[in-house]
Each structure stands twice: as C-alpha cells, then as structure tokens.
Amino acid sequence: MSNHSKTISYLPDERPPLWKLLLYALQQVIVMFPATVAVAIITGFHISTTIFASGLATICFLLITGRKIPLYYGSSFSYVAAISGLMSSEALSGYVLDEKIAVAQFGIVLSGFISIAAGLIVNRFGRDSIEKILPATVTGPIAMIIGLTLAGNALKDAASISVDALGTIRVAKSQIATATNLAWIVSLVTLISTILFSVYLKGIWGQLPLILGPVLGCLTAGIIQWTTGINLFKTLPAGEIGKGIFSLPIFTLPKPNWMAVAAIMPIAIATIPESTAHIYQLDIYVNNLAREKHSKKKYNLADMLGRNLIGDGIGDMVSGFIGGPAGTNYGENISTMAISKVFSVPVLIAASVLAMIISCFTPLINAIYSIPTTVIGGLEIYLFGTIAAQGVAIMVEKKVDLFCSRNIAVIAVIMVIGIGGQYAFGGNIPFFGAEIPCVAGASIFGIVMNFILNIGSKKEQSV
C-alpha cells in the first residue's frame, strides 16, 4: 500500500467528519491565539473584542473568496507601532480608552481600501502584473524574514516566567534561575513532543500535534507547580476579566479622525507582499498534497491573489468596524495546515465560529489564555521556523537561480534589512525621522531593487 493512502489529509474543498473537524478547528484557534492576543495587549485593544473580530473577519474573508482559499485572518504586528503611537499620542491624551480605540478604528477601516485596491489591480491586469513586482526572489525571502524576525520572540517566550510565577518567588530571587530552567524544560517538552507527534503519529493523531504537544507541555507545567510551587500558568489582566460566565465583547464604532488615517493607512502597503507570499506558500502546499492524493483537480490558489487581497482588505474593514486591530492572514495557521495536511475550508469556518464563541465566555478565554507562555514558545520555535522554510519552498518550487547575481542581490538585501532591522532596532528601523517596520522596509526595498535590476536586464537583452 502506498504512503499517500495511509495518510489522512484534506484539500480545501474537503470536509472532515464533525468530531475531527472540531479538533482541527481547536488546533487552528490555539495557534492563532497568542499573536492575536499579544497585539491586543500591546495596542490596548480589548482582548475579547479582538478575538471575536478575528473570527468574524475570517468568515467574511472565506465567503468573499468563495470558500476556496483556506486562510485565517488575525491581528498583524505590522500595525503595532502605528496603532500604539496613535493611542499614546498627546492629541488623544484627554480621551478615555474606548474613545482612543474608536479613533484608531477609523484608520483601520480605511486602511482596508489599500488591500482592496491592490486586489482590483491584480484582477484587472492579471497575476503576471503582480509577479513582475513580486516574483519568487521577493516573496520567498519575505516569507523567510516573516518567520526569522519572530525567532527572538519564540526563544524569549520559551524561557518566559509568568507574572504569577515571579510573584511566588519574589522573596527568593535566587530561585528565578531555577524557574527559568524549569520554563526551558516545559518549552523543550512541548517542542520535541510536537515534532515527534507530527513525524511519527499516524491517522487522526498525526494531524493534531499542535494540540497534543501543548497538552503535554501543560501537564509538565502542572507537575512542576505541584512539586516546586512555581506557577508557570497565566491569568488575564484584571480589566479583561468579564463578570460572570457569559460576557459579550466590548464593541465600539469608528470615530472619524484623519490623523489616524495618516498613521495607520500606509502600513497596509506592507501587508501586501506578506499576504502575497502566504498565498504562494499555500498554492505550493495544496497542489503538492493534491498530487500526493492523485487528485485530478488543480487548485489555482495563486491565480486568486486578487481576491485574496480584496478579502484581506474586507477583513481589516470588518475587524476595524467593531473594535478589532488591523490584520492579515496568518503564517502560523498556514504552518499548522502544512504540518497536519489539513487545508479544509470548513475547518477554518469552524475555527472562526469557535473563536467568536470563546470570546463571549470568560472561562474559555481564561482557559486558553492560561496556557504557559513557555508552552507557546515551544510551539513558536516550530511554527516560525516552518514559515521561514516555506519561503525556501517558494524559491525551490519557482526554480529561482541562486547563482544569478541579480537574484542574490535582491534576496540579500531583503534578508539583511528584515532580520537586521529586527535585532538591531527591535523591529522598527529609524529612517529620516520615521519608524519603518523591518518587514515592510525589507519588502519595499527588495521590490524597488528587483524593479531596477530588471530594467537593466531588459536593456542587456536588447543589445
């Protein structure tokens, strides 16, 4: 019997049985949760509203794209600096929190038009028009730096001690080193078990490594708490704990403010190369799975780039309108699909509904939020590395000539600006008085460099 017949997998238009679908959906929620919640905490947005917005925006995205593109929409770190700067600006110093969020919402809603415009241009002039601007020599390295710029966050989280743990050992600072070592044990248990589960388990269990690994990590953290008294689990900030079991998210409406538009809208340009890289990654993995399953159907996801960008823009508008941050489709969720070989759109619809339900129940938010940061860090090492590996896959699939000096130049500047900007300046590169997000700066510089070098190549060919 061939290997492909032994492997359970699902293409975008295939639907697993209900019980499997719910498990796969929960797995998708778990991997999107840390980044989405982190953006809410950093920017000051309400956590429950942000989670609800991610689910609603994903459903809108999936419907707009004809339920053909399996992507999950979540809060994007690209917007963090702009939104945080706006929320803390002197111009809004007299505003209460919800009024500040309402002002930021206006900029987020209008930023959606940038992605929509890009999508309409692609639909009008074809995929070739965008591939001239964003060839594999650009999208591959962008995918790589998306993963690699997050490597530091993964290792920080892997060694993280929660505030609760610090509280239990504050009187004995010498125990902090011990607590950190225990955190490493938990993260390594999570990482190694997740990898082993994904490689060696078969059937349904082999498709749930991102649930099974964290469960083992949490059990390890529980044993540590029981034997040492060091608590690595987390609790929600006091202001985010709802009253009672059921508590609706706090919805706010956008408040017109052109300063918010100027601060937030331009950042949407940076998410276009990121979203483009994601759709190319997805296209490669889905069609490879289709070949493994001997499916005669061709999944032309890359040809739906325009619709993907329009869906991204609609996602920003939907999220921003009810009080969520701006975002884009998530590489973490793509990595999860690549690892589990579950690309089913119904699974992502279920994950969206599940996220919205969780946002309304305080115990459920508490349960997922309480997962130790060190467990999440163990997962992130695998997930973020997988995102970077997908960038390599793009270049391999598109047969990029890595001995061509022109290609090497474009790849080199994207990699160094992106990764260097993260580790030299914390993610935002100071440039002529502006703070440029490193992924955005690397993407724009790479696009410009590729354009200039291609002009030169045409001239050389005509001689």
Protein backbone atom coordinates (compact mmCIF):
# COMPACT_ATOMS: atom_id res chain seq x y z
CA MET A 1 0.00 0.00 0.00
CA SER A 2 1.40 3.43 -0.91
CA ASN A 3 2.15 6.08 1.68
CA HIS A 4 -0.40 8.55 0.39
CA SER A 5 -3.25 6.13 1.06
CA LYS A 6 -2.15 5.74 4.66
CA THR A 7 -2.06 9.47 5.32
CA ILE A 8 -5.25 11.24 6.30
CA SER A 9 -5.35 14.67 4.67
CA TYR A 10 -7.89 17.20 3.48
CA LEU A 11 -7.84 19.56 0.50
CA PRO A 12 -9.63 22.96 0.65
CA ASP A 13 -12.97 21.65 -0.64
CA GLU A 14 -12.96 18.51 1.53
CA ARG A 15 -14.74 18.30 4.87
CA PRO A 16 -13.65 16.03 7.74
CA PRO A 17 -16.21 14.25 9.96
CA LEU A 18 -17.68 16.56 12.61
CA TRP A 19 -15.61 15.35 15.58
CA LYS A 20 -12.38 15.63 13.60
CA LEU A 21 -13.42 19.00 12.21
CA LEU A 22 -13.88 20.39 15.72
CA LEU A 23 -10.47 19.11 16.86
CA TYR A 24 -8.75 20.57 13.79
CA ALA A 25 -10.61 23.86 14.37
CA LEU A 26 -9.49 24.00 18.00
CA GLN A 27 -5.91 23.46 16.83
CA GLN A 28 -6.21 26.44 14.46
CA VAL A 29 -7.59 28.61 17.29
CA ILE A 30 -4.73 27.64 19.62
CA VAL A 31 -2.03 28.65 17.11
CA MET A 32 -3.64 31.99 16.20
CA PHE A 33 -4.46 32.89 19.80
CA PRO A 34 -1.02 34.01 21.13
CA ALA A 35 -0.24 36.53 18.39
CA THR A 36 -3.79 37.88 18.18
CA VAL A 37 -3.99 38.38 21.95
CA ALA A 38 -0.46 39.83 22.08
CA VAL A 39 -1.39 42.53 19.55
CA ALA A 40 -4.47 43.40 21.63
CA ILE A 41 -2.41 43.68 24.83
CA ILE A 42 0.34 45.79 23.20
CA THR A 43 -2.04 48.19 21.46
CA GLY A 44 -4.51 48.43 24.36
CA PHE A 45 -7.45 46.95 22.43
CA HIS A 46 -9.93 44.70 24.24
CA ILE A 47 -8.84 41.05 24.12
CA SER A 48 -12.33 39.54 23.81
CA THR A 49 -13.25 42.00 21.04
CA THR A 50 -10.03 41.26 19.18
CA ILE A 51 -10.68 37.51 19.28
CA PHE A 52 -14.29 37.98 18.14
CA ALA A 53 -13.14 40.31 15.34
CA SER A 54 -10.59 37.77 14.07
CA GLY A 55 -13.29 35.12 13.80
CA LEU A 56 -15.83 37.39 12.12
CA ALA A 57 -13.24 38.81 9.69
CA THR A 58 -12.11 35.28 8.78
CA ILE A 59 -15.67 34.21 7.98
CA CYS A 60 -16.11 37.30 5.78
CA PHE A 61 -12.77 36.57 4.08
CA LEU A 62 -13.74 32.95 3.37
CA LEU A 63 -17.12 33.96 1.96
CA ILE A 64 -15.66 36.73 -0.23
CA THR A 65 -13.06 34.33 -1.64
CA GLY A 66 -15.75 31.80 -2.50
CA ARG A 67 -14.67 29.40 0.26
CA LYS A 68 -11.69 28.41 -1.88
CA ILE A 69 -8.74 29.96 -0.01
CA PRO A 70 -8.04 28.34 3.39
CA LEU A 71 -6.56 31.26 5.33
CA TYR A 72 -7.20 32.60 8.84
CA TYR A 73 -7.29 36.37 9.44
CA GLY A 74 -5.71 37.65 12.63
CA SER A 75 -4.17 40.80 14.14
CA SER A 76 -0.93 41.87 12.44
CA PHE A 77 2.23 43.04 14.23
CA SER A 78 2.94 45.31 11.22
CA TYR A 79 0.41 47.79 12.61
CA VAL A 80 1.52 47.65 16.26
CA ALA A 81 3.91 50.64 16.19
CA ALA A 82 1.45 52.87 14.30
CA ILE A 83 -1.56 51.98 16.47
CA SER A 84 0.40 52.15 19.75
CA GLY A 85 1.90 55.50 18.76
CA LEU A 86 -1.53 56.88 17.90
CA MET A 87 -3.11 55.59 21.13
CA SER A 88 -0.36 57.18 23.25
CA SER A 89 -0.14 60.47 21.31
CA GLU A 90 -0.67 63.81 23.06
CA ALA A 91 -3.53 64.58 20.68
CA LEU A 92 -5.56 61.80 22.32
CA SER A 93 -4.35 62.41 25.88
CA GLY A 94 -7.79 63.59 27.03
CA TYR A 95 -9.60 60.56 25.59
CA VAL A 96 -10.69 57.51 27.58
CA LEU A 97 -9.62 54.06 26.28
CA ASP A 98 -12.72 53.31 24.20
CA GLU A 99 -12.53 56.75 22.55
CA LYS A 100 -8.88 56.12 21.60
CA ILE A 101 -9.84 52.74 20.15
CA ALA A 102 -12.67 54.38 18.19
CA VAL A 103 -10.22 56.87 16.65
CA ALA A 104 -7.81 54.07 15.68
CA GLN A 105 -10.74 52.11 14.20
CA PHE A 106 -11.31 54.83 11.61
CA GLY A 107 -7.75 54.48 10.32
CA ILE A 108 -8.01 50.68 10.36
CA VAL A 109 -11.27 50.67 8.37
CA LEU A 110 -9.87 52.98 5.70
CA SER A 111 -6.62 51.00 5.51
CA GLY A 112 -8.69 48.14 4.10
CA PHE A 113 -9.10 50.12 0.89
CA ILE A 114 -5.36 49.77 0.19
CA SER A 115 -5.55 45.96 0.01
CA ILE A 116 -8.84 46.13 -1.91
CA ALA A 117 -7.29 48.50 -4.48
CA ALA A 118 -4.28 46.18 -4.86
CA GLY A 119 -6.63 43.23 -5.36
CA LEU A 120 -8.65 45.07 -8.01
CA ILE A 121 -5.43 45.97 -9.87
CA VAL A 122 -4.37 42.30 -9.87
CA ASN A 123 -7.82 41.25 -11.11
CA ARG A 124 -7.72 43.88 -13.86
CA PHE A 125 -4.19 43.30 -15.14
CA GLY A 126 -3.73 39.66 -14.16
CA ARG A 127 -1.45 37.71 -11.87
CA ASP A 128 1.51 38.33 -14.18
CA SER A 129 1.35 42.02 -13.34
CA ILE A 130 1.94 41.37 -9.65
CA GLU A 131 4.53 38.67 -10.31
CA LYS A 132 6.66 41.25 -12.11
CA ILE A 133 6.62 43.29 -8.90
CA LEU A 134 6.63 40.33 -6.51
CA PRO A 135 8.50 37.41 -8.12
CA ALA A 136 9.70 34.41 -6.10
CA THR A 137 13.01 36.20 -5.48
CA VAL A 138 10.99 38.72 -3.44
CA THR A 139 8.14 36.66 -1.95
CA GLY A 140 10.44 33.79 -0.92
CA PRO A 141 12.80 35.94 1.21
CA ILE A 142 9.83 37.91 2.59
CA ALA A 143 8.28 34.66 3.83
CA MET A 144 11.65 33.73 5.33
CA ILE A 145 12.07 37.01 7.22
CA ILE A 146 8.48 36.86 8.49
CA GLY A 147 9.47 33.65 10.26
CA LEU A 148 13.03 34.58 11.20
CA THR A 149 12.23 38.03 12.61
CA LEU A 150 9.95 36.23 15.06
CA ALA A 151 12.70 33.81 16.14
CA GLY A 152 13.71 36.05 19.04
CA ASN A 153 10.12 36.19 20.28
CA ALA A 154 9.93 32.41 20.17
CA LEU A 155 13.05 31.94 22.29
CA LYS A 156 12.02 34.70 24.71
CA ASP A 157 8.64 33.06 25.18
CA ALA A 158 10.28 29.64 25.55
CA ALA A 159 12.24 30.89 28.59
CA SER A 160 9.43 33.09 29.92
CA ILE A 161 8.31 33.12 33.56
CA SER A 162 4.79 34.44 34.06
CA VAL A 163 3.98 37.30 36.41
CA ASP A 164 2.26 34.76 38.65
CA ALA A 165 5.44 32.68 38.86
CA LEU A 166 7.51 35.76 39.69
CA GLY A 167 5.05 36.64 42.40
CA THR A 168 5.59 33.29 44.11
CA ILE A 169 9.37 33.66 44.12
CA ARG A 170 9.77 37.39 44.69
CA VAL A 171 11.09 36.90 48.22
CA ALA A 172 13.72 34.44 46.98
CA LYS A 173 15.31 35.92 43.87
CA SER A 174 17.89 33.14 43.77
CA GLN A 175 15.07 30.85 42.63
CA ILE A 176 14.49 32.86 39.44
CA ALA A 177 17.27 30.94 37.68
CA THR A 178 15.65 27.68 38.77
CA ALA A 179 12.27 28.85 37.48
CA THR A 180 13.82 29.83 34.14
CA ASN A 181 15.43 26.40 33.83
CA LEU A 182 12.08 24.78 34.54
CA ALA A 183 10.50 27.00 31.88
CA TRP A 184 13.07 25.70 29.39
CA ILE A 185 12.14 22.13 30.34
CA VAL A 186 8.46 22.86 29.62
CA SER A 187 9.21 24.54 26.28
CA LEU A 188 11.53 21.73 25.18
CA VAL A 189 8.98 19.09 26.15
CA THR A 190 6.40 20.98 24.07
CA LEU A 191 8.71 21.47 21.08
CA ILE A 192 10.16 17.96 20.93
CA SER A 193 6.85 16.20 21.59
CA THR A 194 5.09 18.30 18.93
CA ILE A 195 7.77 17.43 16.37
CA LEU A 196 7.72 13.74 17.28
CA PHE A 197 3.93 13.63 17.18
CA SER A 198 3.85 15.30 13.74
CA VAL A 199 6.50 12.97 12.32
CA TYR A 200 5.66 9.60 13.87
CA LEU A 201 1.97 9.54 14.81
CA LYS A 202 -0.38 8.25 12.13
CA GLY A 203 -4.02 8.84 11.33
CA ILE A 204 -6.03 11.45 13.23
CA TRP A 205 -3.43 11.76 16.00
CA GLY A 206 -0.73 12.66 13.49
CA GLN A 207 -2.85 15.64 12.44
CA LEU A 208 -3.20 17.04 15.96
CA PRO A 209 0.42 17.61 17.04
CA LEU A 210 -0.28 21.26 17.84
CA ILE A 211 -2.88 20.17 20.39
CA LEU A 212 -1.09 17.12 21.76
CA GLY A 213 2.27 18.90 22.18
CA PRO A 214 0.83 21.79 24.21
CA VAL A 215 -1.23 19.37 26.30
CA LEU A 216 1.97 17.54 27.24
CA GLY A 217 3.66 20.89 27.90
CA CYS A 218 0.80 21.99 30.19
CA LEU A 219 0.93 18.66 32.04
CA THR A 220 4.65 19.20 32.58
CA ALA A 221 3.98 22.73 33.88
CA GLY A 222 1.30 21.32 36.19
CA ILE A 223 3.71 18.74 37.60
CA ILE A 224 6.29 21.49 38.16
CA GLN A 225 3.76 23.62 40.02
CA TRP A 226 2.68 20.65 42.15
CA THR A 227 6.25 19.64 43.07
CA THR A 228 8.00 23.04 43.33
CA GLY A 229 5.22 25.59 43.86
CA ILE A 230 6.39 27.60 40.83
CA ASN A 231 3.36 28.56 38.75
CA LEU A 232 4.04 28.99 35.02
CA PHE A 233 0.37 29.41 34.12
CA LYS A 234 -1.10 32.87 33.37
CA THR A 235 -4.25 34.80 34.29
CA LEU A 236 -5.98 37.51 32.30
CA PRO A 237 -5.32 41.16 33.25
CA ALA A 238 -7.89 42.40 35.77
CA GLY A 239 -9.52 44.80 33.31
CA GLU A 240 -10.16 41.97 30.84
CA ILE A 241 -11.92 39.58 33.20
CA GLY A 242 -15.63 39.63 32.41
CA LYS A 243 -18.38 39.45 35.01
CA GLY A 244 -19.91 36.01 35.22
CA ILE A 245 -19.53 33.15 32.77
CA PHE A 246 -21.02 34.89 29.73
CA SER A 247 -19.81 38.34 28.80
CA LEU A 248 -20.22 39.93 25.37
CA PRO A 249 -17.14 41.65 23.89
CA ILE A 250 -16.99 45.45 24.08
CA PHE A 251 -17.94 46.76 20.64
CA THR A 252 -17.13 50.34 19.64
CA LEU A 253 -17.79 52.31 16.46
CA PRO A 254 -15.13 54.18 14.43
CA LYS A 255 -14.72 57.89 15.14
CA PRO A 256 -13.60 59.93 12.09
CA ASN A 257 -10.07 61.22 12.57
CA TRP A 258 -7.70 61.95 9.68
CA MET A 259 -4.62 61.74 11.92
CA ALA A 260 -5.49 58.06 12.41
CA VAL A 261 -5.76 57.59 8.66
CA ALA A 262 -2.32 59.16 8.10
CA ALA A 263 -0.77 57.00 10.84
CA ILE A 264 -2.33 53.62 10.03
CA MET A 265 -3.42 53.53 6.38
CA PRO A 266 0.10 53.47 4.81
CA ILE A 267 1.03 50.37 6.85
CA ALA A 268 -1.44 48.36 4.74
CA ILE A 269 1.06 48.58 1.88
CA ALA A 270 3.46 46.44 3.93
CA THR A 271 0.96 43.61 4.33
CA ILE A 272 0.50 43.18 0.55
CA PRO A 273 3.85 41.39 -0.03
CA GLU A 274 3.25 39.37 3.15
CA SER A 275 -0.21 38.28 2.02
CA THR A 276 1.13 37.55 -1.47
CA ALA A 277 3.88 35.35 -0.03
CA HIS A 278 1.26 33.49 2.01
CA ILE A 279 -0.96 32.71 -0.98
CA TYR A 280 2.04 31.41 -2.94
CA GLN A 281 3.05 29.23 0.03
CA LEU A 282 -0.48 27.86 0.24
CA ASP A 283 -0.64 27.21 -3.51
CA ILE A 284 2.54 25.11 -3.38
CA TYR A 285 1.47 23.02 -0.38
CA VAL A 286 -2.12 22.43 -1.52
CA ASN A 287 -1.15 21.37 -5.04
CA ASN A 288 1.62 19.15 -3.70
CA LEU A 289 -0.96 17.44 -1.45
CA ALA A 290 -3.32 17.10 -4.44
CA ARG A 291 -0.55 15.31 -6.35
CA GLU A 292 0.11 13.02 -3.37
CA LYS A 293 -3.59 12.12 -3.27
CA HIS A 294 -3.65 11.60 -7.06
CA SER A 295 -6.37 14.22 -7.33
CA LYS A 296 -7.14 15.31 -10.88
CA LYS A 297 -8.26 18.71 -9.62
CA LYS A 298 -5.92 21.70 -9.96
CA TYR A 299 -6.12 24.22 -7.11
CA ASN A 300 -5.10 27.51 -8.73
CA LEU A 301 -4.87 29.43 -5.48
CA ALA A 302 -2.08 31.71 -6.72
CA ASP A 303 -4.41 32.82 -9.52
CA MET A 304 -6.80 34.03 -6.80
CA LEU A 305 -4.28 36.53 -5.46
CA GLY A 306 -6.52 39.46 -6.33
CA ARG A 307 -9.46 38.00 -4.47
CA ASN A 308 -7.16 37.18 -1.54
CA LEU A 309 -6.05 40.81 -1.28
CA ILE A 310 -9.64 42.04 -1.51
CA GLY A 311 -10.57 39.59 1.24
CA ASP A 312 -7.72 40.91 3.37
CA GLY A 313 -8.98 44.46 2.92
CA ILE A 314 -12.54 43.46 3.80
CA GLY A 315 -11.12 41.71 6.87
CA ASP A 316 -9.48 44.96 8.01
CA MET A 317 -12.73 46.86 7.50
CA VAL A 318 -14.85 44.29 9.37
CA SER A 319 -12.37 43.99 12.25
CA GLY A 320 -11.88 47.75 12.49
CA PHE A 321 -15.59 48.50 12.37
CA ILE A 322 -16.39 46.51 15.54
CA GLY A 323 -13.26 47.39 17.54
CA GLY A 324 -10.54 44.95 16.49
CA PRO A 325 -6.98 45.74 15.30
CA ALA A 326 -5.90 45.63 11.67
CA GLY A 327 -4.52 42.33 10.46
CA THR A 328 -3.74 39.91 7.67
CA ASN A 329 -3.82 36.17 7.02
CA TYR A 330 -1.65 34.19 9.42
CA GLY A 331 1.55 32.30 8.60
CA GLU A 332 1.14 30.33 11.84
CA ASN A 333 -2.11 28.86 10.58
CA ILE A 334 -0.55 28.04 7.20
CA SER A 335 2.26 26.25 9.05
CA THR A 336 -0.35 24.30 11.02
CA MET A 337 -2.05 23.23 7.80
CA ALA A 338 1.29 22.28 6.22
CA ILE A 339 2.24 20.18 9.25
CA SER A 340 -1.15 18.48 9.68
CA LYS A 341 -2.04 18.34 5.95
CA VAL A 342 -5.49 19.70 6.76
CA PHE A 343 -6.28 22.56 4.34
CA SER A 344 -10.05 22.22 4.68
CA VAL A 345 -12.00 25.49 4.42
CA PRO A 346 -14.83 24.07 6.61
CA VAL A 347 -12.24 23.61 9.36
CA LEU A 348 -11.33 27.30 9.20
CA ILE A 349 -15.00 28.30 9.23
CA ALA A 350 -15.43 26.18 12.35
CA ALA A 351 -12.30 27.76 13.87
CA SER A 352 -13.77 31.22 13.22
CA VAL A 353 -17.05 30.34 14.89
CA LEU A 354 -15.18 28.73 17.77
CA ALA A 355 -13.09 31.89 18.27
CA MET A 356 -16.25 34.02 18.37
CA ILE A 357 -17.84 31.67 20.91
CA ILE A 358 -14.71 31.67 23.08
CA SER A 359 -14.66 35.48 23.08
CA CYS A 360 -18.08 35.51 24.77
CA PHE A 361 -17.26 33.09 27.59
CA THR A 362 -14.83 34.26 30.24
CA PRO A 363 -13.88 30.73 31.41
CA LEU A 364 -12.96 29.72 27.85
CA ILE A 365 -10.81 32.83 27.33
CA ASN A 366 -9.19 32.18 30.70
CA ALA A 367 -8.54 28.53 29.82
CA ILE A 368 -6.72 29.28 26.56
CA TYR A 369 -5.01 32.41 27.91
CA SER A 370 -3.72 30.46 30.92
CA ILE A 371 -1.54 28.23 28.71
CA PRO A 372 2.01 28.98 29.92
CA THR A 373 3.96 31.34 27.69
CA THR A 374 6.80 28.82 27.73
CA VAL A 375 4.47 26.23 26.14
CA ILE A 376 3.58 28.76 23.43
CA GLY A 377 7.30 29.46 22.97
CA GLY A 378 7.98 25.78 22.31
CA LEU A 379 5.27 25.80 19.64
CA GLU A 380 6.54 29.06 18.14
CA ILE A 381 10.03 27.67 17.55
CA TYR A 382 8.45 25.06 15.28
CA LEU A 383 5.81 27.28 13.68
CA PHE A 384 8.02 30.29 12.96
CA GLY A 385 10.73 28.02 11.59
CA THR A 386 8.14 26.40 9.34
CA ILE A 387 7.15 29.83 7.99
CA ALA A 388 10.79 30.51 7.10
CA ALA A 389 11.10 27.06 5.49
CA GLN A 390 8.06 27.83 3.36
CA GLY A 391 9.98 30.79 1.93
CA VAL A 392 12.67 28.36 0.80
CA ALA A 393 9.93 26.15 -0.69
CA ILE A 394 8.65 29.08 -2.77
CA MET A 395 12.07 29.65 -4.31
CA VAL A 396 12.63 25.93 -4.91
CA GLU A 397 9.19 25.49 -6.49
CA LYS A 398 9.70 28.51 -8.76
CA LYS A 399 13.22 27.32 -9.65
CA VAL A 400 14.93 30.56 -8.60
CA ASP A 401 18.51 30.65 -9.89
CA LEU A 402 20.58 31.18 -6.73
CA PHE A 403 23.77 31.58 -8.79
CA CYS A 404 22.41 34.65 -10.60
CA SER A 405 23.95 37.84 -9.16
CA ARG A 406 20.71 39.75 -9.73
CA ASN A 407 18.68 37.27 -7.68
CA ILE A 408 21.33 37.08 -4.96
CA ALA A 409 21.30 40.90 -4.63
CA VAL A 410 17.52 41.05 -4.14
CA ILE A 411 17.45 38.14 -1.69
CA ALA A 412 20.43 39.52 0.24
CA VAL A 413 19.01 43.00 0.87
CA ILE A 414 15.61 41.64 1.91
CA MET A 415 17.14 39.17 4.36
CA VAL A 416 19.59 41.59 5.98
CA ILE A 417 17.23 44.57 6.23
CA GLY A 418 14.43 42.39 7.57
CA ILE A 419 16.43 40.38 10.10
CA GLY A 420 18.90 43.18 10.89
CA GLY A 421 16.07 45.63 11.50
CA GLN A 422 14.51 43.24 13.98
CA TYR A 423 17.61 42.56 16.03
CA ALA A 424 19.32 45.97 15.74
CA PHE A 425 16.26 48.20 16.24
CA GLY A 426 13.61 45.97 17.78
CA GLY A 427 11.56 45.72 14.60
CA ASN A 428 11.21 49.40 13.64
CA ILE A 429 14.07 50.94 11.66
CA PRO A 430 14.65 54.68 12.29
CA PHE A 431 14.80 56.28 8.83
CA PHE A 432 14.76 60.07 8.27
CA GLY A 433 12.61 60.64 11.34
CA ALA A 434 10.19 57.81 10.60
CA GLU A 435 9.93 54.37 12.21
CA ILE A 436 9.76 51.79 9.40
CA PRO A 437 8.64 48.24 10.32
CA CYS A 438 11.53 45.97 9.33
CA VAL A 439 9.42 43.55 7.25
CA ALA A 440 7.80 46.47 5.42
CA GLY A 441 11.15 48.18 4.87
CA ALA A 442 12.77 45.00 3.59
CA SER A 443 9.82 44.28 1.30
CA ILE A 444 9.72 47.76 -0.22
CA PHE A 445 13.50 47.94 -0.68
CA GLY A 446 13.53 44.47 -2.24
CA ILE A 447 10.68 45.36 -4.62
CA VAL A 448 12.46 48.55 -5.70
CA MET A 449 15.80 46.75 -6.11
CA ASN A 450 14.17 43.99 -8.15
CA PHE A 451 12.47 46.58 -10.40
CA ILE A 452 15.71 48.47 -11.01
CA LEU A 453 17.73 45.33 -11.76
CA ASN A 454 15.07 44.03 -14.13
CA ILE A 455 15.20 47.26 -16.12
CA GLY A 456 18.92 46.67 -16.50
CA SER A 457 18.39 43.07 -17.60
CA LYS A 458 15.98 44.10 -20.34
CA LYS A 459 18.46 46.59 -21.69
CA GLU A 460 21.18 43.95 -21.66
CA GLN A 461 19.00 41.52 -23.59
CA SER A 462 18.16 44.07 -26.27
CA VAL A 463 21.81 44.79 -27.04
